[in-house]
C-alpha atoms as a PDB file:
ATOM      1  CA  MET A   1       2.610  -8.576  31.905  1.00  0.00           C
ATOM      2  CA  THR A   2       0.982  -7.678  28.666  1.00  0.00           C
ATOM      3  CA  ASN A   3      -1.586 -10.262  27.234  1.00  0.00           C
ATOM      4  CA  LEU A   4      -0.290 -11.165  23.504  1.00  0.00           C
ATOM      5  CA  LEU A   5      -3.555 -12.125  22.240  1.00  0.00           C
ATOM      6  CA  ALA A   6      -5.389  -8.425  23.350  1.00  0.00           C
ATOM      7  CA  LEU A   7      -6.130  -7.399  19.751  1.00  0.00           C
ATOM      8  CA  GLY A   8      -7.470  -4.149  19.845  1.00  0.00           C
ATOM      9  CA  GLY A   9      -7.441  -4.365  24.072  1.00  0.00           C
ATOM     10  CA  LEU A  10      -9.784  -7.495  23.349  1.00  0.00           C
ATOM     11  CA  SER A  11      -9.272 -10.743  25.737  1.00  0.00           C
ATOM     12  CA  PRO A  12      -8.933 -14.013  24.513  1.00  0.00           C
ATOM     13  CA  MET A  13     -12.217 -15.113  25.775  1.00  0.00           C
ATOM     14  CA  GLU A  14     -13.940 -12.236  24.265  1.00  0.00           C
ATOM     15  CA  LEU A  15     -12.482 -12.962  20.938  1.00  0.00           C
ATOM     16  CA  ILE A  16     -13.558 -16.903  21.048  1.00  0.00           C
ATOM     17  CA  ILE A  17     -17.235 -15.348  21.928  1.00  0.00           C
ATOM     18  CA  ILE A  18     -16.798 -13.252  18.909  1.00  0.00           C
ATOM     19  CA  VAL A  19     -15.589 -16.447  16.771  1.00  0.00           C
ATOM     20  CA  GLY A  20     -18.642 -18.376  17.781  1.00  0.00           C
ATOM     21  CA  VAL A  21     -21.223 -15.838  16.919  1.00  0.00           C
ATOM     22  CA  ILE A  22     -19.470 -15.814  13.237  1.00  0.00           C
ATOM     23  CA  VAL A  23     -19.791 -19.527  12.934  1.00  0.00           C
ATOM     24  CA  LEU A  24     -23.364 -19.234  14.311  1.00  0.00           C
ATOM     25  CA  LEU A  25     -24.344 -16.380  12.178  1.00  0.00           C
ATOM     26  CA  PHE A  26     -22.435 -18.038   8.782  1.00  0.00           C
ATOM     27  CA  GLY A  27     -22.155 -21.665   9.300  1.00  0.00           C
ATOM     28  CA  SER A  28     -18.825 -23.250   9.063  1.00  0.00           C
ATOM     29  CA  SER A  29     -19.507 -24.174   5.461  1.00  0.00           C
ATOM     30  CA  LYS A  30     -19.701 -20.326   4.483  1.00  0.00           C
ATOM     31  CA  ILE A  31     -16.706 -19.408   6.163  1.00  0.00           C
ATOM     32  CA  PRO A  32     -14.244 -20.395   4.238  1.00  0.00           C
ATOM     33  CA  GLN A  33     -16.255 -18.953   1.188  1.00  0.00           C
ATOM     34  CA  LEU A  34     -16.099 -15.526   3.067  1.00  0.00           C
ATOM     35  CA  MET A  35     -12.506 -15.580   3.677  1.00  0.00           C
ATOM     36  CA  ARG A  36     -11.433 -16.391   0.123  1.00  0.00           C
ATOM     37  CA  GLY A  37     -13.706 -13.670  -0.969  1.00  0.00           C
ATOM     38  CA  VAL A  38     -11.474 -11.371   1.451  1.00  0.00           C
ATOM     39  CA  GLY A  39      -8.451 -12.497   0.294  1.00  0.00           C
ATOM     40  CA  SER A  40      -9.205 -12.211  -3.565  1.00  0.00           C
ATOM     41  CA  GLY A  41     -10.679  -8.774  -2.660  1.00  0.00           C
ATOM     42  CA  ILE A  42      -6.921  -7.871  -0.777  1.00  0.00           C
ATOM     43  CA  ASN A  43      -5.000  -9.364  -3.837  1.00  0.00           C
ATOM     44  CA  GLU A  44      -6.995  -7.042  -6.241  1.00  0.00           C
ATOM     45  CA  PHE A  45      -6.468  -4.022  -4.259  1.00  0.00           C
ATOM     46  CA  LYS A  46      -2.830  -4.739  -4.013  1.00  0.00           C
ATOM     47  CA  LYS A  47      -2.626  -5.591  -8.175  1.00  0.00           C
ATOM     48  CA  GLY A  48      -4.420  -2.113  -8.376  1.00  0.00           C
ATOM     49  CA  LEU A  49      -1.829  -0.395  -6.194  1.00  0.00           C
ATOM     50  CA  ARG A  50       1.092  -2.192  -7.907  1.00  0.00           C
ATOM     51  CA  GLU A  51      -0.607  -0.948 -11.268  1.00  0.00           C
ATOM     52  CA  GLY A  52      -1.427   3.070 -10.048  1.00  0.00           C
ATOM     53  CA  GLU A  53       2.378   2.667  -8.996  1.00  0.00           C
ATOM     54  CA  GLN A  54       3.301   1.466 -12.388  1.00  0.00           C
ATOM     55  CA  GLN A  55       1.587   4.056 -14.146  1.00  0.00           C
ATOM     56  CA  ALA A  56       2.881   7.036 -11.898  1.00  0.00           C
ATOM     57  CA  ALA A  57       6.183   5.738 -12.731  1.00  0.00           C
ATOM     58  CA  ALA A  58       6.003   5.942 -16.599  1.00  0.00           C
ATOM     59  CA  ASP A  59       3.950   9.548 -16.733  1.00  0.00           C
ATOM     60  CA  ALA A  60       6.871  10.445 -14.503  1.00  0.00           C
ATOM     61  CA  ALA A  61       9.431   8.899 -17.120  1.00  0.00           C
ATOM     62  CA  LYS A  62       7.254  10.401 -20.200  1.00  0.00           C
ATOM     63  CA  SER A  63       7.507  14.068 -18.282  1.00  0.00           C
ATOM     64  CA  ALA A  64      11.126  14.013 -17.398  1.00  0.00           C
ATOM     65  CA  GLU A  65      11.606  13.203 -21.194  1.00  0.00           C
ATOM     66  CA  ALA A  66       9.425  15.676 -22.425  1.00  0.00           C
ATOM     67  CA  ALA A  67      10.835  18.525 -20.332  1.00  0.00           C
ATOM     68  CA  LYS A  68      14.976  17.794 -21.845  1.00  0.00           C
ATOM     69  CA  PRO A  69      15.681  20.133 -24.893  1.00  0.00           C
ATOM     70  CA  ALA A  70      15.853  18.562 -28.160  1.00  0.00           C
ATOM     71  CA  ASP A  71      18.765  19.955 -29.340  1.00  0.00           C
ATOM     72  CA  ALA A  72      20.728  22.519 -27.721  1.00  0.00           C
ATOM     73  CA  PRO A  73      20.276  26.572 -28.683  1.00  0.00           C
ATOM     74  CA  LYS A  74      22.867  27.444 -31.413  1.00  0.00           C
ATOM     75  CA  PRO A  75      24.925  30.274 -30.012  1.00  0.00           C
ATOM     76  CA  ALA A  76      23.831  33.658 -31.500  1.00  0.00           C
ATOM     77  CA  GLU A  77      25.515  35.650 -33.972  1.00  0.00           C
ATOM     78  CA  ALA A  78      27.601  38.538 -33.070  1.00  0.00           C
ATOM     79  CA  ALA A  79      25.562  40.776 -31.495  1.00  0.00           C
ATOM     80  CA  LYS A  80      25.701  44.497 -33.263  1.00  0.00           C
ATOM     81  CA  PRO A  81      26.309  47.345 -30.647  1.00  0.00           C
ATOM     82  CA  VAL A  82      23.043  49.354 -31.121  1.00  0.00           C
ATOM     83  CA  GLU A  83      23.447  53.009 -32.271  1.00  0.00           C
ATOM     84  CA  PRO A  84      21.722  55.859 -30.719  1.00  0.00           C
ATOM     85  CA  GLU A  85      19.057  57.399 -32.555  1.00  0.00           C
ATOM     86  CA  LYS A  86      19.659  60.878 -34.293  1.00  0.00           C
ATOM     87  CA  LYS A  87      17.070  63.307 -33.739  1.00  0.00           C
END
């Protein structure tokens, strides 16, 4: 049976040890601040992705609009047959 808590091959005991070391290094008061920073960084990244997609869509629409012909070309007047040159 697979272990549902295993992330990347880590057992639950290893995860508890890792969390304990993090608490010892940063202290319990700093961890919420760190997580807020990580969360705001992720939100800024997602915002940048959305803005990039909107900009790409606007550029694509602008280039598609520029590619459209402004007016349909007028039909050419009756073409005259070309006469051969006389020597």
